[in-house]
């Protein structure tokens, strides 16, 4: 937007050397702004897929003695809890085996 404004200013208002200077300064600012925005967007790693569930907390929907279901991030998952837990107990996801979450009571 700044670059467009400076081009219009250079063409219609400013005399010859100042118009070129305004366009160059606006172009440098636009490039720096794009670089900062790109750097900002790449700071964090995207958390997608089943691997992002490790460490998340959930609630046991069924009795996990040792197999049952848990709700993690609003989704139902098949789970295995070696120590076992009752329905409604909080659990923590420790690892993933296919589509079965390995959990332990929190």
PDB file of N, CA and C in Angstrom:
ATOM      1  N   UNK A   1       0.836  -1.189   0.000  1.00  0.00           N
ATOM      2  CA  UNK A   1       0.000   0.000   0.000  1.00  0.00           C
ATOM      3  C   UNK A   1       0.879   1.251   0.000  1.00  0.00           C
ATOM      4  N   UNK A   2       1.929   1.203   0.827  1.00  0.00           N
ATOM      5  CA  UNK A   2       2.843   2.344   0.893  1.00  0.00           C
ATOM      6  C   UNK A   2       3.549   2.546  -0.440  1.00  0.00           C
ATOM      7  N   UNK A   3       3.922   1.459  -1.083  1.00  0.00           N
ATOM      8  CA  UNK A   3       4.607   1.549  -2.365  1.00  0.00           C
ATOM      9  C   UNK A   3       3.692   2.170  -3.431  1.00  0.00           C
ATOM     10  N   UNK A   4       2.451   1.754  -3.456  1.00  0.00           N
ATOM     11  CA  UNK A   4       1.495   2.319  -4.415  1.00  0.00           C
ATOM     12  C   UNK A   4       1.300   3.815  -4.166  1.00  0.00           C
ATOM     13  N   UNK A   5       1.166   4.186  -2.906  1.00  0.00           N
ATOM     14  CA  UNK A   5       1.001   5.602  -2.552  1.00  0.00           C
ATOM     15  C   UNK A   5       2.211   6.418  -2.984  1.00  0.00           C
ATOM     16  N   UNK A   6       3.422   5.878  -2.765  1.00  0.00           N
ATOM     17  CA  UNK A   6       4.623   6.632  -3.131  1.00  0.00           C
ATOM     18  C   UNK A   6       4.778   6.740  -4.651  1.00  0.00           C
ATOM     19  N   UNK A   7       4.359   5.734  -5.390  1.00  0.00           N
ATOM     20  CA  UNK A   7       4.412   5.824  -6.853  1.00  0.00           C
ATOM     21  C   UNK A   7       3.461   6.898  -7.354  1.00  0.00           C
ATOM     22  N   UNK A   8       2.246   6.904  -6.811  1.00  0.00           N
ATOM     23  CA  UNK A   8       1.291   7.956  -7.212  1.00  0.00           C
ATOM     24  C   UNK A   8       1.808   9.334  -6.821  1.00  0.00           C
ATOM     25  N   UNK A   9       2.413   9.444  -5.640  1.00  0.00           N
ATOM     26  CA  UNK A   9       2.976  10.710  -5.190  1.00  0.00           C
ATOM     27  C   UNK A   9       4.113  11.142  -6.101  1.00  0.00           C
ATOM     28  N   UNK A  10       4.967  10.204  -6.503  1.00  0.00           N
ATOM     29  CA  UNK A  10       6.108  10.512  -7.362  1.00  0.00           C
ATOM     30  C   UNK A  10       5.657  10.954  -8.748  1.00  0.00           C
ATOM     31  N   UNK A  11       4.618  10.325  -9.265  1.00  0.00           N
ATOM     32  CA  UNK A  11       4.174  10.638 -10.624  1.00  0.00           C
ATOM     33  C   UNK A  11       3.431  11.976 -10.680  1.00  0.00           C
ATOM     34  N   UNK A  12       2.578  12.233  -9.686  1.00  0.00           N
ATOM     35  CA  UNK A  12       1.691  13.400  -9.794  1.00  0.00           C
ATOM     36  C   UNK A  12       2.098  14.601  -8.951  1.00  0.00           C
ATOM     37  N   UNK A  13       2.929  14.455  -7.927  1.00  0.00           N
ATOM     38  CA  UNK A  13       3.162  15.569  -7.019  1.00  0.00           C
ATOM     39  C   UNK A  13       4.628  15.976  -6.943  1.00  0.00           C
ATOM     40  N   UNK A  14       5.518  15.036  -6.693  1.00  0.00           N
ATOM     41  CA  UNK A  14       6.912  15.363  -6.402  1.00  0.00           C
ATOM     42  C   UNK A  14       7.714  15.640  -7.665  1.00  0.00           C
ATOM     43  N   UNK A  15       8.713  16.530  -7.555  1.00  0.00           N
ATOM     44  CA  UNK A  15       9.603  16.760  -8.703  1.00  0.00           C
ATOM     45  C   UNK A  15      10.520  15.551  -8.910  1.00  0.00           C
ATOM     46  N   UNK A  16      11.238  15.542 -10.012  1.00  0.00           N
ATOM     47  CA  UNK A  16      11.977  14.386 -10.503  1.00  0.00           C
ATOM     48  C   UNK A  16      12.882  13.682  -9.489  1.00  0.00           C
ATOM     49  N   UNK A  17      13.872  14.290  -8.872  1.00  0.00           N
ATOM     50  CA  UNK A  17      14.729  13.460  -8.000  1.00  0.00           C
ATOM     51  C   UNK A  17      14.017  12.995  -6.734  1.00  0.00           C
ATOM     52  N   UNK A  18      13.079  13.773  -6.220  1.00  0.00           N
ATOM     53  CA  UNK A  18      12.398  13.400  -4.966  1.00  0.00           C
ATOM     54  C   UNK A  18      11.373  12.297  -5.176  1.00  0.00           C
ATOM     55  N   UNK A  19      10.786  12.258  -6.334  1.00  0.00           N
ATOM     56  CA  UNK A  19       9.836  11.199  -6.640  1.00  0.00           C
ATOM     57  C   UNK A  19      10.513   9.842  -6.690  1.00  0.00           C
ATOM     58  N   UNK A  20      11.683   9.772  -7.321  1.00  0.00           N
ATOM     59  CA  UNK A  20      12.434   8.520  -7.383  1.00  0.00           C
ATOM     60  C   UNK A  20      12.877   8.091  -5.989  1.00  0.00           C
ATOM     61  N   UNK A  21      13.301   9.036  -5.173  1.00  0.00           N
ATOM     62  CA  UNK A  21      13.714   8.736  -3.808  1.00  0.00           C
ATOM     63  C   UNK A  21      12.538   8.195  -2.990  1.00  0.00           C
ATOM     64  N   UNK A  22      11.371   8.761  -3.166  1.00  0.00           N
ATOM     65  CA  UNK A  22      10.181   8.286  -2.436  1.00  0.00           C
ATOM     66  C   UNK A  22       9.838   6.853  -2.833  1.00  0.00           C
ATOM     67  N   UNK A  23       9.949   6.525  -4.105  1.00  0.00           N
ATOM     68  CA  UNK A  23       9.652   5.172  -4.565  1.00  0.00           C
ATOM     69  C   UNK A  23      10.679   4.184  -4.014  1.00  0.00           C
ATOM     70  N   UNK A  24      11.942   4.534  -4.024  1.00  0.00           N
ATOM     71  CA  UNK A  24      12.989   3.644  -3.517  1.00  0.00           C
ATOM     72  C   UNK A  24      12.812   3.398  -2.023  1.00  0.00           C
ATOM     73  N   UNK A  25      12.547   4.437  -1.252  1.00  0.00           N
ATOM     74  CA  UNK A  25      12.345   4.276   0.195  1.00  0.00           C
ATOM     75  C   UNK A  25      11.123   3.407   0.479  1.00  0.00           C
ATOM     76  N   UNK A  26      10.047   3.629  -0.251  1.00  0.00           N
ATOM     77  CA  UNK A  26       8.843   2.826  -0.049  1.00  0.00           C
ATOM     78  C   UNK A  26       9.097   1.366  -0.421  1.00  0.00           C
ATOM     79  N   UNK A  27       9.866   1.117  -1.472  1.00  0.00           N
ATOM     80  CA  UNK A  27      10.176  -0.257  -1.873  1.00  0.00           C
ATOM     81  C   UNK A  27      11.004  -0.954  -0.802  1.00  0.00           C
ATOM     82  N   UNK A  28      11.976  -0.253  -0.236  1.00  0.00           N
ATOM     83  CA  UNK A  28      12.799  -0.832   0.832  1.00  0.00           C
ATOM     84  C   UNK A  28      11.938  -1.160   2.047  1.00  0.00           C
ATOM     85  N   UNK A  29      11.032  -0.273   2.405  1.00  0.00           N
ATOM     86  CA  UNK A  29      10.145  -0.515   3.552  1.00  0.00           C
ATOM     87  C   UNK A  29       9.240  -1.711   3.281  1.00  0.00           C
ATOM     88  N   UNK A  30       8.694  -1.819   2.077  1.00  0.00           N
ATOM     89  CA  UNK A  30       7.822  -2.946   1.727  1.00  0.00           C
ATOM     90  C   UNK A  30       8.580  -4.274   1.785  1.00  0.00           C
ATOM     91  N   UNK A  31       9.811  -4.301   1.276  1.00  0.00           N
ATOM     92  CA  UNK A  31      10.606  -5.530   1.295  1.00  0.00           C
ATOM     93  C   UNK A  31      10.949  -5.917   2.731  1.00  0.00           C
ATOM     94  N   UNK A  32      11.324  -4.945   3.554  1.00  0.00           N
ATOM     95  CA  UNK A  32      11.632  -5.225   4.959  1.00  0.00           C
ATOM     96  C   UNK A  32      10.394  -5.729   5.689  1.00  0.00           C
ATOM     97  N   UNK A  33       9.250  -5.137   5.418  1.00  0.00           N
ATOM     98  CA  UNK A  33       8.007  -5.573   6.044  1.00  0.00           C
ATOM     99  C   UNK A  33       7.662  -7.007   5.653  1.00  0.00           C
ATOM    100  N   UNK A  34       7.824  -7.345   4.384  1.00  0.00           N
ATOM    101  CA  UNK A  34       7.559  -8.713   3.932  1.00  0.00           C
ATOM    102  C   UNK A  34       8.523  -9.695   4.600  1.00  0.00           C
ATOM    103  N   UNK A  35       9.783  -9.312   4.746  1.00  0.00           N
ATOM    104  CA  UNK A  35      10.753 -10.172   5.409  1.00  0.00           C
ATOM    105  C   UNK A  35      10.411 -10.411   6.865  1.00  0.00           C
ATOM    106  N   UNK A  36       9.988  -9.373   7.574  1.00  0.00           N
ATOM    107  CA  UNK A  36       9.603  -9.512   8.982  1.00  0.00           C
ATOM    108  C   UNK A  36       8.368 -10.392   9.113  1.00  0.00           C
ATOM    109  N   UNK A  37       7.399 -10.210   8.253  1.00  0.00           N
ATOM    110  CA  UNK A  37       6.188 -11.029   8.304  1.00  0.00           C
ATOM    111  C   UNK A  37       6.516 -12.491   8.015  1.00  0.00           C
ATOM    112  N   UNK A  38       7.390 -12.745   7.043  1.00  0.00           N
ATOM    113  CA  UNK A  38       7.794 -14.126   6.740  1.00  0.00           C
ATOM    114  C   UNK A  38       8.521 -14.738   7.933  1.00  0.00           C
ATOM    115  N   UNK A  39       9.448 -14.001   8.535  1.00  0.00           N
ATOM    116  CA  UNK A  39      10.181 -14.502   9.702  1.00  0.00           C
ATOM    117  C   UNK A  39       9.205 -14.786  10.839  1.00  0.00           C
ATOM    118  N   UNK A  40       8.261 -13.913  11.082  1.00  0.00           N
ATOM    119  CA  UNK A  40       7.294 -14.071  12.165  1.00  0.00           C
ATOM    120  C   UNK A  40       6.438 -15.322  11.959  1.00  0.00           C
ATOM    121  N   UNK A  41       6.059 -15.592  10.714  1.00  0.00           N
ATOM    122  CA  UNK A  41       5.197 -16.742  10.445  1.00  0.00           C
ATOM    123  C   UNK A  41       5.957 -18.065  10.549  1.00  0.00           C
ATOM    124  N   UNK A  42       7.270 -18.057  10.425  1.00  0.00           N
ATOM    125  CA  UNK A  42       8.058 -19.278  10.468  1.00  0.00           C
ATOM    126  C   UNK A  42       8.623 -19.573  11.856  1.00  0.00           C
ATOM    127  N   UNK A  43       8.325 -18.756  12.860  1.00  0.00           N
ATOM    128  CA  UNK A  43       8.894 -18.936  14.191  1.00  0.00           C
ATOM    129  C   UNK A  43       8.444 -20.231  14.844  1.00  0.00           C
ATOM    130  N   UNK A  44       7.210 -20.559  14.741  1.00  0.00           N
ATOM    131  CA  UNK A  44       6.667 -21.734  15.412  1.00  0.00           C
ATOM    132  C   UNK A  44       6.446 -22.860  14.437  1.00  0.00           C
ATOM    133  N   UNK A  45       6.616 -24.045  14.948  1.00  0.00           N
ATOM    134  CA  UNK A  45       6.354 -25.226  14.152  1.00  0.00           C
ATOM    135  C   UNK A  45       4.853 -25.521  14.210  1.00  0.00           C
ATOM    136  N   UNK A  46       4.279 -25.910  13.100  1.00  0.00           N
ATOM    137  CA  UNK A  46       2.855 -26.234  13.070  1.00  0.00           C
ATOM    138  C   UNK A  46       2.615 -27.552  13.804  1.00  0.00           C
ATOM    139  N   UNK A  47       1.588 -27.583  14.608  1.00  0.00           N
ATOM    140  CA  UNK A  47       1.242 -28.790  15.344  1.00  0.00           C
ATOM    141  C   UNK A  47       0.041 -29.441  14.684  1.00  0.00           C
ATOM    142  N   UNK A  48       0.324 -30.414  13.854  1.00  0.00           N
ATOM    143  CA  UNK A  48      -0.737 -31.156  13.180  1.00  0.00           C
ATOM    144  C   UNK A  48      -0.415 -32.635  13.251  1.00  0.00           C
ATOM    145  N   UNK A  49      -1.415 -33.450  13.061  1.00  0.00           N
ATOM    146  CA  UNK A  49      -1.210 -34.888  13.058  1.00  0.00           C
ATOM    147  C   UNK A  49      -1.329 -35.486  14.445  1.00  0.00           C
ATOM    148  N   UNK A  50      -1.220 -36.772  14.478  1.00  0.00           N
ATOM    149  CA  UNK A  50      -1.418 -37.502  15.729  1.00  0.00           C
ATOM    150  C   UNK A  50      -0.262 -37.248  16.691  1.00  0.00           C
ATOM    151  N   UNK A  51       0.924 -36.973  16.185  1.00  0.00           N
ATOM    152  CA  UNK A  51       2.079 -36.764  17.045  1.00  0.00           C
ATOM    153  C   UNK A  51       1.905 -35.561  17.962  1.00  0.00           C
ATOM    154  N   UNK A  52       1.055 -34.632  17.590  1.00  0.00           N
ATOM    155  CA  UNK A  52       0.841 -33.452  18.421  1.00  0.00           C
ATOM    156  C   UNK A  52       0.039 -33.771  19.679  1.00  0.00           C
ATOM    157  N   UNK A  53      -0.521 -34.983  19.770  1.00  0.00           N
ATOM    158  CA  UNK A  53      -1.321 -35.359  20.942  1.00  0.00           C
ATOM    159  C   UNK A  53      -0.466 -35.785  22.128  1.00  0.00           C
ATOM    160  N   UNK A  54       0.798 -36.123  21.905  1.00  0.00           N
ATOM    161  CA  UNK A  54       1.655 -36.580  22.997  1.00  0.00           C
ATOM    162  C   UNK A  54       1.815 -35.449  24.012  1.00  0.00           C
ATOM    163  N   UNK A  55       1.515 -35.774  25.268  1.00  0.00           N
ATOM    164  CA  UNK A  55       1.592 -34.787  26.338  1.00  0.00           C
ATOM    165  C   UNK A  55       0.272 -34.087  26.633  1.00  0.00           C
ATOM    166  N   UNK A  56      -0.719 -34.260  25.771  1.00  0.00           N
ATOM    167  CA  UNK A  56      -2.022 -33.609  25.982  1.00  0.00           C
ATOM    168  C   UNK A  56      -2.814 -34.337  27.062  1.00  0.00           C
ATOM    169  N   UNK A  57      -3.687 -33.592  27.712  1.00  0.00           N
ATOM    170  CA  UNK A  57      -4.557 -34.164  28.738  1.00  0.00           C
ATOM    171  C   UNK A  57      -5.911 -34.490  28.135  1.00  0.00           C
ATOM    172  N   UNK A  58      -6.535 -35.508  28.684  1.00  0.00           N
ATOM    173  CA  UNK A  58      -7.854 -35.910  28.227  1.00  0.00           C
ATOM    174  C   UNK A  58      -8.648 -36.509  29.365  1.00  0.00           C
ATOM    175  N   UNK A  59      -9.845 -36.992  29.062  1.00  0.00           N
ATOM    176  CA  UNK A  59     -10.749 -37.599  30.042  1.00  0.00           C
ATOM    177  C   UNK A  59     -11.108 -39.000  29.562  1.00  0.00           C
ATOM    178  N   UNK A  60     -11.064 -39.949  30.466  1.00  0.00           N
ATOM    179  CA  UNK A  60     -11.464 -41.316  30.130  1.00  0.00           C
ATOM    180  C   UNK A  60     -12.980 -41.364  29.980  1.00  0.00           C
ATOM    181  N   UNK A  61     -13.449 -41.840  28.836  1.00  0.00           N
ATOM    182  CA  UNK A  61     -14.880 -41.961  28.585  1.00  0.00           C
ATOM    183  C   UNK A  61     -15.377 -43.310  29.097  1.00  0.00           C
ATOM    184  N   UNK A  62     -14.591 -44.348  28.841  1.00  0.00           N
ATOM    185  CA  UNK A  62     -14.898 -45.706  29.310  1.00  0.00           C
ATOM    186  C   UNK A  62     -13.870 -46.089  30.379  1.00  0.00           C
ATOM    187  N   UNK A  63     -14.157 -47.181  31.047  1.00  0.00           N
ATOM    188  CA  UNK A  63     -13.159 -47.728  31.966  1.00  0.00           C
ATOM    189  C   UNK A  63     -11.991 -48.258  31.145  1.00  0.00           C
ATOM    190  N   UNK A  64     -10.796 -47.864  31.511  1.00  0.00           N
ATOM    191  CA  UNK A  64      -9.600 -48.309  30.794  1.00  0.00           C
ATOM    192  C   UNK A  64      -8.926 -49.414  31.600  1.00  0.00           C
ATOM    193  N   UNK A  65      -9.368 -50.644  31.385  1.00  0.00           N
ATOM    194  CA  UNK A  65      -8.797 -51.789  32.107  1.00  0.00           C
ATOM    195  C   UNK A  65      -8.369 -52.861  31.128  1.00  0.00           C
ATOM    196  N   UNK A  66      -7.432 -52.820  30.312  1.00  0.00           N
ATOM    197  CA  UNK A  66      -6.588 -51.693  29.955  1.00  0.00           C
ATOM    198  C   UNK A  66      -7.080 -50.934  28.728  1.00  0.00           C
ATOM    199  N   UNK A  67      -8.070 -51.471  27.976  1.00  0.00           N
ATOM    200  CA  UNK A  67      -8.525 -50.798  26.759  1.00  0.00           C
ATOM    201  C   UNK A  67      -9.830 -50.058  26.985  1.00  0.00           C
ATOM    202  N   UNK A  68     -10.008 -48.959  26.269  1.00  0.00           N
ATOM    203  CA  UNK A  68     -11.237 -48.171  26.348  1.00  0.00           C
ATOM    204  C   UNK A  68     -11.117 -46.956  25.441  1.00  0.00           C
ATOM    205  N   UNK A  69     -11.902 -45.930  25.743  1.00  0.00           N
ATOM    206  CA  UNK A  69     -11.866 -44.714  24.942  1.00  0.00           C
ATOM    207  C   UNK A  69     -11.608 -43.506  25.828  1.00  0.00           C
ATOM    208  N   UNK A  70     -10.922 -42.520  25.247  1.00  0.00           N
ATOM    209  CA  UNK A  70     -10.664 -41.255  25.932  1.00  0.00           C
ATOM    210  C   UNK A  70     -11.059 -40.117  25.000  1.00  0.00           C
ATOM    211  N   UNK A  71     -11.333 -38.977  25.590  1.00  0.00           N
ATOM    212  CA  UNK A  71     -11.631 -37.770  24.811  1.00  0.00           C
ATOM    213  C   UNK A  71     -10.457 -36.816  24.993  1.00  0.00           C
ATOM    214  N   UNK A  72      -9.792 -36.513  23.865  1.00  0.00           N
ATOM    215  CA  UNK A  72      -8.650 -35.594  23.858  1.00  0.00           C
ATOM    216  C   UNK A  72      -8.923 -34.533  22.798  1.00  0.00           C
ATOM    217  N   UNK A  73      -8.852 -33.284  23.180  1.00  0.00           N
ATOM    218  CA  UNK A  73      -9.131 -32.160  22.262  1.00  0.00           C
ATOM    219  C   UNK A  73     -10.490 -32.294  21.591  1.00  0.00           C
ATOM    220  N   UNK A  74     -11.471 -32.812  22.311  1.00  0.00           N
ATOM    221  CA  UNK A  74     -12.825 -32.924  21.781  1.00  0.00           C
ATOM    222  C   UNK A  74     -13.045 -34.120  20.867  1.00  0.00           C
ATOM    223  N   UNK A  75     -12.040 -34.976  20.714  1.00  0.00           N
ATOM    224  CA  UNK A  75     -12.164 -36.139  19.836  1.00  0.00           C
ATOM    225  C   UNK A  75     -12.074 -37.418  20.655  1.00  0.00           C
ATOM    226  N   UNK A  76     -12.824 -38.438  20.235  1.00  0.00           N
ATOM    227  CA  UNK A  76     -12.758 -39.742  20.900  1.00  0.00           C
ATOM    228  C   UNK A  76     -11.650 -40.577  20.270  1.00  0.00           C
ATOM    229  N   UNK A  77     -10.827 -41.190  21.133  1.00  0.00           N
ATOM    230  CA  UNK A  77      -9.736 -42.043  20.684  1.00  0.00           C
ATOM    231  C   UNK A  77      -9.787 -43.355  21.443  1.00  0.00           C
ATOM    232  N   UNK A  78      -9.405 -44.435  20.773  1.00  0.00           N
ATOM    233  CA  UNK A  78      -9.183 -45.690  21.469  1.00  0.00           C
ATOM    234  C   UNK A  78      -7.890 -45.535  22.258  1.00  0.00           C
ATOM    235  N   UNK A  79      -7.896 -46.065  23.483  1.00  0.00           N
ATOM    236  CA  UNK A  79      -6.733 -45.869  24.336  1.00  0.00           C
ATOM    237  C   UNK A  79      -6.437 -47.115  25.143  1.00  0.00           C
ATOM    238  N   UNK A  80      -5.199 -47.191  25.591  1.00  0.00           N
ATOM    239  CA  UNK A  80      -4.748 -48.276  26.452  1.00  0.00           C
ATOM    240  C   UNK A  80      -4.053 -47.644  27.658  1.00  0.00           C
ATOM    241  N   UNK A  81      -4.460 -48.089  28.845  1.00  0.00           N
ATOM    242  CA  UNK A  81      -3.857 -47.593  30.078  1.00  0.00           C
ATOM    243  C   UNK A  81      -3.437 -48.809  30.894  1.00  0.00           C
ATOM    244  N   UNK A  82      -2.133 -49.042  30.994  1.00  0.00           N
ATOM    245  CA  UNK A  82      -1.633 -50.235  31.684  1.00  0.00           C
ATOM    246  C   UNK A  82      -2.029 -50.246  33.154  1.00  0.00           C
ATOM    247  N   UNK A  83      -2.023 -49.090  33.805  1.00  0.00           N
ATOM    248  CA  UNK A  83      -2.411 -49.027  35.210  1.00  0.00           C
ATOM    249  C   UNK A  83      -3.911 -49.054  35.403  1.00  0.00           C
ATOM    250  N   UNK A  84      -4.649 -48.755  34.344  1.00  0.00           N
ATOM    251  CA  UNK A  84      -6.104 -48.717  34.401  1.00  0.00           C
ATOM    252  C   UNK A  84      -6.615 -47.451  35.050  1.00  0.00           C
ATOM    253  N   UNK A  85      -7.826 -47.061  34.675  1.00  0.00           N
ATOM    254  CA  UNK A  85      -8.497 -45.923  35.316  1.00  0.00           C
ATOM    255  C   UNK A  85      -9.994 -46.013  35.030  1.00  0.00           C
ATOM    256  N   UNK A  86     -10.744 -45.312  35.841  1.00  0.00           N
ATOM    257  CA  UNK A  86     -12.207 -45.330  35.762  1.00  0.00           C
ATOM    258  C   UNK A  86     -12.717 -44.251  34.812  1.00  0.00           C
ATOM    259  N   UNK A  87     -13.985 -44.353  34.368  1.00  0.00           N
ATOM    260  CA  UNK A  87     -14.557 -43.302  33.510  1.00  0.00           C
ATOM    261  C   UNK A  87     -14.559 -41.957  34.234  1.00  0.00           C
ATOM    262  N   UNK A  88     -14.253 -40.907  33.487  1.00  0.00           N
ATOM    263  CA  UNK A  88     -14.226 -39.559  34.039  1.00  0.00           C
ATOM    264  C   UNK A  88     -12.885 -39.168  34.636  1.00  0.00           C
ATOM    265  N   UNK A  89     -11.948 -40.091  34.692  1.00  0.00           N
ATOM    266  CA  UNK A  89     -10.628 -39.792  35.253  1.00  0.00           C
ATOM    267  C   UNK A  89      -9.788 -39.028  34.235  1.00  0.00           C
ATOM    268  N   UNK A  90      -8.989 -38.062  34.696  1.00  0.00           N
ATOM    269  CA  UNK A  90      -8.088 -37.363  33.764  1.00  0.00           C
ATOM    270  C   UNK A  90      -6.917 -38.266  33.391  1.00  0.00           C
ATOM    271  N   UNK A  91      -6.524 -38.196  32.133  1.00  0.00           N
ATOM    272  CA  UNK A  91      -5.408 -38.990  31.633  1.00  0.00           C
ATOM    273  C   UNK A  91      -4.462 -38.088  30.840  1.00  0.00           C
ATOM    274  N   UNK A  92      -3.229 -38.577  30.647  1.00  0.00           N
ATOM    275  CA  UNK A  92      -2.223 -37.874  29.849  1.00  0.00           C
ATOM    276  C   UNK A  92      -1.728 -38.836  28.778  1.00  0.00           C
ATOM    277  N   UNK A  93      -1.655 -38.356  27.550  1.00  0.00           N
ATOM    278  CA  UNK A  93      -1.183 -39.178  26.432  1.00  0.00           C
ATOM    279  C   UNK A  93       0.336 -39.267  26.510  1.00  0.00           C
ATOM    280  N   UNK A  94       0.873 -40.490  26.541  1.00  0.00           N
ATOM    281  CA  UNK A  94       2.315 -40.695  26.625  1.00  0.00           C
ATOM    282  C   UNK A  94       2.930 -41.102  25.288  1.00  0.00           C
ATOM    283  N   UNK A  95       2.232 -41.890  24.495  1.00  0.00           N
ATOM    284  CA  UNK A  95       2.721 -42.254  23.166  1.00  0.00           C
ATOM    285  C   UNK A  95       1.566 -42.732  22.311  1.00  0.00           C
ATOM    286  N   UNK A  96       1.859 -42.989  21.038  1.00  0.00           N
ATOM    287  CA  UNK A  96       0.829 -43.394  20.093  1.00  0.00           C
ATOM    288  C   UNK A  96       1.262 -44.678  19.411  1.00  0.00           C
ATOM    289  N   UNK A  97       0.371 -45.650  19.382  1.00  0.00           N
ATOM    290  CA  UNK A  97       0.635 -46.927  18.723  1.00  0.00           C
ATOM    291  C   UNK A  97      -0.439 -47.116  17.659  1.00  0.00           C
ATOM    292  N   UNK A  98      -0.136 -46.711  16.429  1.00  0.00           N
ATOM    293  CA  UNK A  98      -1.132 -46.742  15.363  1.00  0.00           C
ATOM    294  C   UNK A  98      -2.206 -45.708  15.642  1.00  0.00           C
ATOM    295  N   UNK A  99      -3.446 -46.194  15.848  1.00  0.00           N
ATOM    296  CA  UNK A  99      -4.550 -45.300  16.211  1.00  0.00           C
ATOM    297  C   UNK A  99      -4.980 -45.498  17.652  1.00  0.00           C
ATOM    298  N   UNK A 100      -4.124 -46.107  18.439  1.00  0.00           N
ATOM    299  CA  UNK A 100      -4.405 -46.328  19.867  1.00  0.00           C
ATOM    300  C   UNK A 100      -3.458 -45.460  20.674  1.00  0.00           C
ATOM    301  N   UNK A 101      -4.029 -44.648  21.560  1.00  0.00           N
ATOM    302  CA  UNK A 101      -3.212 -43.793  22.417  1.00  0.00           C
ATOM    303  C   UNK A 101      -2.798 -44.563  23.656  1.00  0.00           C
ATOM    304  N   UNK A 102      -1.524 -44.497  23.989  1.00  0.00           N
ATOM    305  CA  UNK A 102      -1.026 -45.057  25.245  1.00  0.00           C
ATOM    306  C   UNK A 102      -1.126 -43.931  26.267  1.00  0.00           C
ATOM    307  N   UNK A 103      -1.975 -44.125  27.287  1.00  0.00           N
ATOM    308  CA  UNK A 103      -2.203 -43.071  28.278  1.00  0.00           C
ATOM    309  C   UNK A 103      -1.874 -43.583  29.666  1.00  0.00           C
ATOM    310  N   UNK A 104      -1.752 -42.621  30.585  1.00  0.00           N
ATOM    311  CA  UNK A 104      -1.618 -42.963  31.993  1.00  0.00           C
ATOM    312  C   UNK A 104      -2.476 -41.997  32.784  1.00  0.00           C
ATOM    313  N   UNK A 105      -2.924 -42.455  33.938  1.00  0.00           N
ATOM    314  CA  UNK A 105      -3.777 -41.621  34.785  1.00  0.00           C
ATOM    315  C   UNK A 105      -2.999 -40.386  35.235  1.00  0.00           C
ATOM    316  N   UNK A 106      -3.647 -39.249  35.193  1.00  0.00           N
ATOM    317  CA  UNK A 106      -2.981 -37.991  35.568  1.00  0.00           C
ATOM    318  C   UNK A 106      -2.994 -37.798  37.075  1.00  0.00           C
TER     319      UNK A 106
END
